[in-house]
N, C-alpha and C. Protein backbone atom coordinates (compact mmCIF):
# COMPACT_ATOMS: atom_id res chain seq x y z
N MET A 1 37.45 78.10 -3.36
CA MET A 1 38.79 78.26 -4.35
C MET A 1 38.67 79.64 -4.80
N THR A 2 39.67 80.70 -4.89
CA THR A 2 39.70 81.73 -5.86
C THR A 2 41.16 81.56 -6.47
N LEU A 3 40.97 81.70 -7.83
CA LEU A 3 42.18 81.67 -8.52
C LEU A 3 42.37 82.79 -9.20
N LEU A 4 43.84 82.91 -9.25
CA LEU A 4 44.66 84.23 -9.67
C LEU A 4 45.08 83.70 -10.83
N GLY A 5 45.05 84.58 -12.12
CA GLY A 5 45.67 84.12 -13.20
C GLY A 5 46.67 85.45 -13.41
N ILE A 6 47.98 85.05 -13.64
CA ILE A 6 49.11 85.77 -14.02
C ILE A 6 49.60 85.88 -15.29
N ASP A 7 49.59 86.81 -15.70
CA ASP A 7 50.87 87.20 -17.13
C ASP A 7 52.15 88.04 -16.69
N PRO A 8 53.05 87.40 -16.14
CA PRO A 8 54.40 88.24 -15.78
C PRO A 8 55.00 88.82 -16.76
N GLY A 9 55.65 90.00 -16.03
CA GLY A 9 56.71 90.96 -16.82
C GLY A 9 56.56 92.16 -16.17
N LYS A 10 57.19 93.16 -16.62
CA LYS A 10 57.29 94.37 -16.10
C LYS A 10 56.13 94.83 -15.82
N THR A 11 55.29 94.75 -16.58
CA THR A 11 53.70 94.84 -16.64
C THR A 11 52.87 93.45 -16.37
N ILE A 12 52.54 93.44 -14.99
CA ILE A 12 51.58 92.17 -14.53
C ILE A 12 50.28 91.92 -15.06
N GLY A 13 49.86 91.37 -15.95
CA GLY A 13 48.64 91.30 -15.83
C GLY A 13 47.79 90.46 -15.09
N TRP A 14 46.69 90.20 -14.57
CA TRP A 14 45.82 89.67 -13.75
C TRP A 14 44.40 89.33 -13.95
N SER A 15 43.83 88.47 -13.55
CA SER A 15 42.41 88.08 -13.92
C SER A 15 42.22 87.17 -12.55
N LEU A 16 40.88 87.76 -11.77
CA LEU A 16 40.55 86.84 -10.47
C LEU A 16 39.24 86.20 -10.50
N TRP A 17 39.34 85.08 -10.15
CA TRP A 17 38.08 84.33 -10.51
C TRP A 17 37.62 83.36 -9.46
N THR A 18 36.25 83.11 -9.15
CA THR A 18 35.57 82.55 -7.87
C THR A 18 35.63 81.27 -8.52
N GLU A 19 35.13 80.34 -7.14
CA GLU A 19 35.30 78.76 -7.40
C GLU A 19 34.15 78.37 -8.19
N THR A 20 33.22 79.22 -8.65
CA THR A 20 32.07 78.80 -9.43
C THR A 20 32.45 79.29 -11.10
N GLY A 21 33.53 80.31 -11.37
CA GLY A 21 33.90 80.55 -12.71
C GLY A 21 33.39 81.68 -13.13
N PHE A 22 33.23 82.42 -12.07
CA PHE A 22 32.76 83.95 -12.16
C PHE A 22 34.15 84.81 -12.04
N GLU A 23 34.19 85.76 -13.06
CA GLU A 23 35.55 86.45 -13.28
C GLU A 23 34.98 87.65 -12.14
N LEU A 24 35.86 88.08 -11.12
CA LEU A 24 35.54 89.13 -10.20
C LEU A 24 36.40 90.59 -11.13
N GLY A 25 37.25 90.38 -11.53
CA GLY A 25 37.89 91.46 -12.34
C GLY A 25 39.28 91.20 -12.94
N ARG A 26 39.66 92.22 -13.86
CA ARG A 26 41.01 91.84 -14.31
C ARG A 26 41.92 93.23 -14.74
N GLY A 27 43.00 93.39 -14.82
CA GLY A 27 43.85 94.41 -14.74
C GLY A 27 45.43 94.10 -15.22
N THR A 28 46.04 95.55 -14.89
CA THR A 28 47.62 95.41 -15.06
C THR A 28 47.93 96.17 -13.69
N PHE A 29 49.41 95.51 -13.09
CA PHE A 29 50.05 96.63 -12.26
C PHE A 29 51.47 96.48 -12.72
N ASP A 30 52.28 97.15 -11.91
CA ASP A 30 53.63 97.25 -12.12
C ASP A 30 54.29 96.28 -11.49
N TYR A 31 55.58 95.64 -11.96
CA TYR A 31 56.48 94.59 -11.31
C TYR A 31 56.71 95.36 -10.10
N ALA A 32 57.11 96.69 -9.74
CA ALA A 32 57.54 97.06 -8.67
C ALA A 32 56.31 97.27 -7.49
N ASP A 33 55.25 97.20 -8.14
CA ASP A 33 54.05 97.15 -7.11
C ASP A 33 53.41 95.62 -6.40
N VAL A 34 54.25 94.70 -6.97
CA VAL A 34 53.74 92.93 -6.70
C VAL A 34 53.04 93.25 -5.33
N ARG A 35 54.14 93.38 -3.99
CA ARG A 35 53.68 93.53 -2.86
C ARG A 35 52.79 94.33 -2.34
N LYS A 36 52.26 95.20 -3.05
CA LYS A 36 51.20 96.11 -2.73
C LYS A 36 49.72 95.38 -3.17
N HIS A 37 49.72 94.29 -4.19
CA HIS A 37 48.70 93.81 -4.56
C HIS A 37 48.43 92.32 -4.50
N ILE A 38 49.86 91.57 -3.88
CA ILE A 38 49.75 90.10 -3.68
C ILE A 38 50.67 89.95 -2.58
N VAL A 39 49.69 89.63 -1.27
CA VAL A 39 50.16 90.08 -0.12
C VAL A 39 50.30 88.67 0.76
N LEU A 40 51.25 88.02 1.44
CA LEU A 40 51.46 86.87 2.44
C LEU A 40 51.16 87.27 3.91
N ASP A 41 50.07 86.97 4.31
CA ASP A 41 49.76 87.24 5.54
C ASP A 41 50.43 86.18 6.74
N LEU A 42 51.48 86.17 6.99
CA LEU A 42 52.09 85.67 7.96
C LEU A 42 51.87 85.56 9.17
N ALA A 43 51.18 86.56 9.83
CA ALA A 43 50.39 86.54 11.12
C ALA A 43 49.19 85.66 11.05
N TYR A 44 48.51 85.54 10.17
CA TYR A 44 47.33 84.61 10.47
C TYR A 44 47.22 83.49 9.48
N GLY A 45 48.34 82.91 9.89
CA GLY A 45 48.28 81.33 9.09
C GLY A 45 48.85 81.64 7.79
N GLY A 46 49.62 82.21 7.21
CA GLY A 46 50.20 82.18 5.84
C GLY A 46 49.37 82.44 4.75
N ASP A 47 48.10 82.94 4.81
CA ASP A 47 47.30 83.01 3.99
C ASP A 47 47.87 84.07 2.59
N LEU A 48 47.31 83.88 1.47
CA LEU A 48 47.84 84.59 0.08
C LEU A 48 46.46 85.45 0.09
N TRP A 49 46.77 86.74 -0.07
CA TRP A 49 45.66 87.64 -0.16
C TRP A 49 45.81 88.66 -1.45
N PHE A 50 45.08 88.99 -2.48
CA PHE A 50 45.15 89.91 -3.66
C PHE A 50 44.20 91.03 -3.31
N TYR A 51 44.96 92.39 -3.47
CA TYR A 51 44.12 93.97 -3.52
C TYR A 51 44.29 94.44 -4.91
N GLU A 52 42.95 94.86 -5.23
CA GLU A 52 43.31 95.72 -5.98
C GLU A 52 42.55 96.98 -5.76
N PHE A 53 43.25 98.25 -6.16
CA PHE A 53 42.79 99.48 -5.48
C PHE A 53 41.93 100.28 -6.79
N ALA A 54 40.84 100.88 -5.88
CA ALA A 54 39.93 101.88 -6.34
C ALA A 54 40.10 103.20 -5.72
N ASP A 55 40.75 104.35 -6.50
CA ASP A 55 40.79 105.44 -5.58
C ASP A 55 41.30 105.33 -4.24
N HIS A 56 42.49 104.70 -4.54
CA HIS A 56 43.56 104.53 -3.08
C HIS A 56 42.68 103.38 -2.06
N ARG A 57 41.90 103.07 -2.32
CA ARG A 57 41.11 102.16 -1.23
C ARG A 57 40.88 100.59 -2.00
N PRO A 58 41.08 99.47 -1.15
CA PRO A 58 40.84 98.33 -1.93
C PRO A 58 39.56 98.43 -2.46
N GLY A 59 39.46 97.60 -3.63
CA GLY A 59 38.42 97.62 -4.48
C GLY A 59 37.96 96.18 -4.55
N ILE A 60 38.77 95.33 -4.39
CA ILE A 60 38.70 94.27 -4.66
C ILE A 60 39.68 93.52 -3.41
N VAL A 61 39.34 92.61 -2.58
CA VAL A 61 40.17 91.81 -1.79
C VAL A 61 39.41 90.62 -1.50
N GLU A 62 40.65 89.62 -1.91
CA GLU A 62 40.22 88.11 -2.13
C GLU A 62 41.48 87.48 -1.70
N ASN A 63 41.05 86.21 -0.64
CA ASN A 63 41.93 85.05 -0.23
C ASN A 63 42.45 84.38 -1.51
N VAL A 64 43.46 84.28 -1.93
CA VAL A 64 43.79 83.47 -3.13
C VAL A 64 44.14 82.14 -2.88
N THR A 65 43.40 80.78 -3.34
CA THR A 65 43.88 79.47 -3.05
C THR A 65 44.47 78.69 -4.14
N ARG A 66 44.27 79.50 -5.53
CA ARG A 66 45.32 78.89 -6.81
C ARG A 66 45.73 80.18 -7.93
N ILE A 67 46.73 79.88 -8.12
CA ILE A 67 47.51 80.23 -9.26
C ILE A 67 47.68 79.77 -10.51
N ALA A 68 47.24 80.29 -11.46
CA ALA A 68 47.74 79.98 -12.63
C ALA A 68 48.53 81.09 -13.53
N ILE A 69 49.65 80.67 -13.77
CA ILE A 69 50.87 81.86 -14.33
C ILE A 69 51.32 81.14 -15.52
N GLU A 70 51.59 82.40 -16.42
CA GLU A 70 52.23 81.90 -17.65
C GLU A 70 53.75 81.53 -17.50
N ASP A 71 54.13 80.37 -18.00
CA ASP A 71 55.74 80.08 -17.73
C ASP A 71 56.41 80.94 -18.74
N TYR A 72 57.88 80.88 -18.54
CA TYR A 72 58.53 82.00 -19.61
C TYR A 72 59.47 80.76 -20.01
N ILE A 73 60.19 80.76 -21.22
CA ILE A 73 60.90 79.90 -21.59
C ILE A 73 61.84 80.74 -22.65
N GLY A 74 62.93 81.10 -22.29
CA GLY A 74 63.87 81.79 -23.02
C GLY A 74 64.31 81.29 -24.55
N ARG A 75 64.43 81.95 -25.59
CA ARG A 75 64.58 81.42 -26.82
C ARG A 75 66.02 81.02 -26.47
N PRO A 76 66.44 79.97 -27.12
CA PRO A 76 67.85 79.64 -27.06
C PRO A 76 68.39 80.38 -28.32
N GLY A 77 69.75 80.46 -28.16
CA GLY A 77 70.69 81.35 -29.13
C GLY A 77 70.46 82.88 -29.35
N GLN A 78 69.16 83.43 -28.57
CA GLN A 78 68.62 84.85 -29.02
C GLN A 78 69.72 85.65 -28.13
N LYS A 79 70.05 86.60 -28.87
CA LYS A 79 71.19 87.56 -28.39
C LYS A 79 70.22 88.90 -27.42
N ASN A 80 70.52 89.03 -26.57
CA ASN A 80 69.73 89.93 -25.56
C ASN A 80 70.56 91.05 -25.13
N GLY A 81 72.13 91.02 -25.20
CA GLY A 81 72.69 92.17 -24.60
C GLY A 81 72.51 92.75 -23.44
N GLY A 82 72.25 91.96 -22.31
CA GLY A 82 71.95 92.40 -21.16
C GLY A 82 70.75 92.75 -20.76
N GLN A 83 69.52 92.41 -21.28
CA GLN A 83 68.37 92.84 -21.23
C GLN A 83 68.27 92.12 -19.81
N ARG A 84 67.26 92.79 -19.29
CA ARG A 84 66.63 92.25 -17.79
C ARG A 84 65.36 91.60 -18.45
N PHE A 85 65.14 90.51 -17.65
CA PHE A 85 64.13 89.47 -18.10
C PHE A 85 62.75 89.84 -16.96
N TRP A 86 61.99 90.51 -17.27
CA TRP A 86 61.00 90.75 -16.13
C TRP A 86 59.97 89.76 -16.02
N GLY A 87 59.88 88.96 -16.92
CA GLY A 87 58.85 87.66 -16.96
C GLY A 87 59.34 86.64 -15.92
N PRO A 88 60.53 86.29 -16.11
CA PRO A 88 60.93 85.15 -15.00
C PRO A 88 61.12 85.82 -13.78
N GLU A 89 61.57 87.11 -13.36
CA GLU A 89 61.44 87.84 -12.45
C GLU A 89 60.22 87.71 -11.44
N SER A 90 59.15 88.03 -12.22
CA SER A 90 57.94 88.40 -11.54
C SER A 90 57.32 86.77 -11.26
N LEU A 91 57.56 85.86 -12.32
CA LEU A 91 57.04 84.47 -11.76
C LEU A 91 57.64 83.92 -10.65
N ALA A 92 59.03 84.42 -10.47
CA ALA A 92 59.92 83.71 -9.48
C ALA A 92 59.26 84.07 -8.13
N LYS A 93 58.97 85.62 -8.35
CA LYS A 93 58.37 86.15 -6.96
C LYS A 93 57.15 85.64 -6.59
N ILE A 94 56.31 85.86 -7.47
CA ILE A 94 54.70 85.02 -7.20
C ILE A 94 54.84 83.46 -6.89
N GLU A 95 55.57 82.90 -7.50
CA GLU A 95 56.05 81.37 -7.01
C GLU A 95 56.41 81.11 -5.73
N LEU A 96 57.30 82.02 -5.15
CA LEU A 96 57.74 82.16 -3.71
C LEU A 96 56.58 82.47 -2.92
N LEU A 97 55.77 83.24 -3.23
CA LEU A 97 54.70 83.63 -2.41
C LEU A 97 53.50 82.65 -2.39
N GLY A 98 53.40 81.88 -3.39
CA GLY A 98 52.65 80.82 -3.49
C GLY A 98 53.15 79.51 -2.76
N GLU A 99 54.51 79.31 -2.71
CA GLU A 99 55.01 78.26 -2.05
C GLU A 99 54.83 78.89 -0.53
N LEU A 100 55.06 79.91 -0.03
CA LEU A 100 55.08 80.03 1.37
C LEU A 100 53.83 80.04 1.84
N ALA A 101 52.76 80.19 1.06
CA ALA A 101 51.24 80.27 1.51
C ALA A 101 50.85 79.07 1.23
N ASP A 102 51.45 78.05 0.58
CA ASP A 102 51.16 76.61 0.58
C ASP A 102 49.59 76.53 -0.38
N ILE A 103 49.92 76.94 -1.56
CA ILE A 103 48.89 76.90 -2.70
C ILE A 103 49.28 76.63 -3.94
N GLU A 104 48.32 76.08 -4.63
CA GLU A 104 48.83 75.61 -6.06
C GLU A 104 49.33 76.68 -6.80
N VAL A 105 50.65 76.61 -7.50
CA VAL A 105 50.80 77.49 -8.36
C VAL A 105 50.91 76.64 -9.93
N LYS A 106 50.15 77.07 -10.54
CA LYS A 106 50.28 76.15 -12.04
C LYS A 106 51.07 76.77 -13.41
N ARG A 107 52.30 76.35 -13.87
CA ARG A 107 52.73 76.96 -14.89
C ARG A 107 52.15 76.47 -16.19
N GLN A 108 51.87 77.55 -17.03
CA GLN A 108 51.25 77.26 -18.30
C GLN A 108 51.78 77.73 -19.09
N ARG A 109 52.56 77.07 -20.44
CA ARG A 109 53.06 77.82 -21.50
C ARG A 109 52.00 78.42 -22.34
N ALA A 110 52.46 79.68 -22.91
CA ALA A 110 51.35 80.57 -23.68
C ALA A 110 50.96 79.91 -24.88
N VAL A 111 52.04 79.16 -25.54
CA VAL A 111 51.72 78.20 -26.96
C VAL A 111 50.75 77.15 -26.73
N ASP A 112 50.54 76.79 -25.68
CA ASP A 112 49.41 75.69 -25.28
C ASP A 112 48.12 75.82 -24.84
N VAL A 113 48.29 77.31 -24.32
CA VAL A 113 47.00 77.73 -23.51
C VAL A 113 46.20 78.70 -24.26
N LEU A 114 47.10 79.68 -24.90
CA LEU A 114 46.19 81.09 -25.40
C LEU A 114 45.16 80.71 -26.32
N LYS A 115 45.47 80.09 -27.16
CA LYS A 115 44.79 80.01 -28.58
C LYS A 115 43.45 79.03 -28.25
N VAL A 116 43.85 78.12 -27.33
CA VAL A 116 42.72 76.82 -26.89
C VAL A 116 41.60 77.70 -26.10
N SER A 117 42.20 78.51 -24.89
CA SER A 117 41.28 79.31 -24.17
C SER A 117 40.74 80.13 -24.80
N ALA A 118 41.26 80.99 -25.90
CA ALA A 118 40.54 82.03 -26.79
C ALA A 118 39.29 81.36 -27.50
N LEU A 119 39.59 80.38 -27.93
CA LEU A 119 38.68 79.74 -28.53
C LEU A 119 37.31 79.26 -27.91
N HIS A 120 37.75 78.64 -26.78
CA HIS A 120 36.57 78.20 -25.61
C HIS A 120 36.13 79.32 -25.29
N ALA A 121 36.62 80.62 -25.14
CA ALA A 121 35.69 81.54 -24.34
C ALA A 121 35.25 82.52 -25.66
N GLY A 122 35.30 82.40 -26.65
CA GLY A 122 34.67 82.98 -27.56
C GLY A 122 35.58 84.36 -27.64
N TYR A 123 36.96 84.38 -27.59
CA TYR A 123 37.65 85.64 -27.56
C TYR A 123 38.28 85.93 -28.79
N LYS A 124 38.34 87.01 -29.35
CA LYS A 124 38.93 87.34 -30.57
C LYS A 124 40.36 87.40 -30.20
N MET A 125 41.19 86.88 -31.01
CA MET A 125 42.41 87.28 -30.52
C MET A 125 42.85 88.53 -31.27
N PRO A 126 43.65 89.71 -30.72
CA PRO A 126 43.94 90.65 -31.36
C PRO A 126 45.21 90.59 -32.39
N LYS A 127 45.37 91.34 -33.59
CA LYS A 127 46.37 91.11 -34.21
C LYS A 127 47.83 91.81 -33.46
N GLY A 128 48.76 91.66 -33.23
CA GLY A 128 50.03 92.08 -32.74
C GLY A 128 49.81 91.64 -30.83
N HIS A 129 50.26 92.54 -29.96
CA HIS A 129 50.35 91.86 -28.77
C HIS A 129 49.01 91.99 -28.09
N LEU A 130 48.76 90.64 -27.27
CA LEU A 130 47.94 90.47 -26.49
C LEU A 130 47.75 91.16 -24.93
N PRO A 131 47.07 92.34 -25.01
CA PRO A 131 47.09 92.83 -23.66
C PRO A 131 47.45 91.92 -22.35
N ASP A 132 48.32 92.29 -21.22
CA ASP A 132 48.60 91.56 -20.35
C ASP A 132 47.41 90.98 -19.55
N GLN A 133 46.32 91.82 -19.26
CA GLN A 133 45.31 91.51 -18.47
C GLN A 133 44.50 90.31 -19.15
N ASP A 134 44.37 90.68 -20.60
CA ASP A 134 43.61 89.62 -21.46
C ASP A 134 44.22 88.27 -21.46
N SER A 135 45.52 87.97 -21.15
CA SER A 135 46.63 86.88 -21.40
C SER A 135 46.18 86.23 -20.02
N ALA A 136 46.17 87.23 -18.93
CA ALA A 136 45.84 86.53 -17.76
C ALA A 136 44.70 85.77 -17.57
N TYR A 137 43.46 86.47 -18.15
CA TYR A 137 42.29 86.17 -17.87
C TYR A 137 42.15 84.65 -18.80
N LEU A 138 42.94 84.47 -20.17
CA LEU A 138 42.88 83.25 -20.65
C LEU A 138 43.80 82.26 -19.91
N HIS A 139 44.79 82.39 -19.17
CA HIS A 139 45.38 81.43 -18.39
C HIS A 139 44.37 81.07 -17.48
N ALA A 140 43.87 82.16 -16.56
CA ALA A 140 43.17 81.61 -15.33
C ALA A 140 41.75 80.59 -16.18
N ARG A 141 41.29 81.08 -17.05
CA ARG A 141 39.98 80.43 -17.85
C ARG A 141 40.38 79.04 -17.87
N TYR A 142 41.61 78.44 -18.87
CA TYR A 142 41.98 77.54 -19.35
C TYR A 142 42.16 76.57 -18.09
N ARG A 143 42.87 77.12 -16.69
CA ARG A 143 42.91 76.26 -15.57
C ARG A 143 41.72 76.01 -15.02
N LEU A 144 40.66 76.67 -15.25
CA LEU A 144 39.13 76.51 -14.44
C LEU A 144 38.71 75.33 -15.28
N GLU A 145 39.01 75.52 -16.54
CA GLU A 145 38.80 74.43 -17.56
C GLU A 145 39.29 73.04 -16.89
N GLU A 146 40.60 72.97 -16.68
CA GLU A 146 41.20 71.94 -16.46
C GLU A 146 40.58 71.22 -15.03
N LEU A 147 40.29 72.00 -14.21
CA LEU A 147 39.79 71.80 -12.71
C LEU A 147 38.04 71.42 -13.04
N GLY A 148 37.66 71.53 -14.28
CA GLY A 148 36.12 71.18 -14.38
C GLY A 148 35.34 72.33 -14.04
N VAL A 149 35.47 73.48 -13.46
CA VAL A 149 34.87 74.42 -13.25
C VAL A 149 34.03 75.24 -14.13
N LEU A 150 34.77 75.48 -15.17
CA LEU A 150 34.46 76.13 -16.48
C LEU A 150 34.24 74.87 -17.75
N ARG A 151 33.52 75.12 -18.81
CA ARG A 151 33.25 74.60 -20.12
C ARG A 151 33.57 75.35 -21.10
N ALA A 152 33.88 75.09 -22.15
CA ALA A 152 34.31 75.69 -23.52
C ALA A 152 32.81 76.11 -23.81
N LYS A 153 32.72 77.52 -24.28
CA LYS A 153 31.49 77.89 -25.08
C LYS A 153 31.01 77.07 -26.33
N PRO A 154 29.77 76.97 -26.49
CA PRO A 154 29.43 76.35 -27.93
C PRO A 154 29.92 77.22 -29.03
N LEU A 155 30.20 76.57 -30.01
CA LEU A 155 30.85 77.46 -31.26
C LEU A 155 29.23 77.70 -31.77
N ASP A 156 29.40 79.00 -32.53
CA ASP A 156 28.38 79.50 -33.50
C ASP A 156 28.13 78.67 -35.03
């Protein structure tokens, strides 16, 4: 199992984990580059692959078997004046890739996951905006705890 944690948006945060709970890496990429990083290989059985580049060469190449993705729920009654919602667009694109590859895509609400996962990981939440790659890390870590791969770190 390789689990890919995703924080969707215009800038997409990612965190990639092995089946034993080892984080292979985390970072961000632009929405426009989804197809460069998450690739559905239809020629060889529909596997889903994740690519992270270092100096224009793949630095991480992994077959993805599960995805944990932050869910997006708009705020009722909010005035948005024609804004584009990058979160739901990213979410839909990645869910479609997961469906085509026949792998689990688990939606997780930030309000239900981030604080608990941060506490369990010993991660200090920043004031203000949480970096996208750290959000993806916390979503992936939470899912791995649900699957029994990781456990909460002991409190000091």
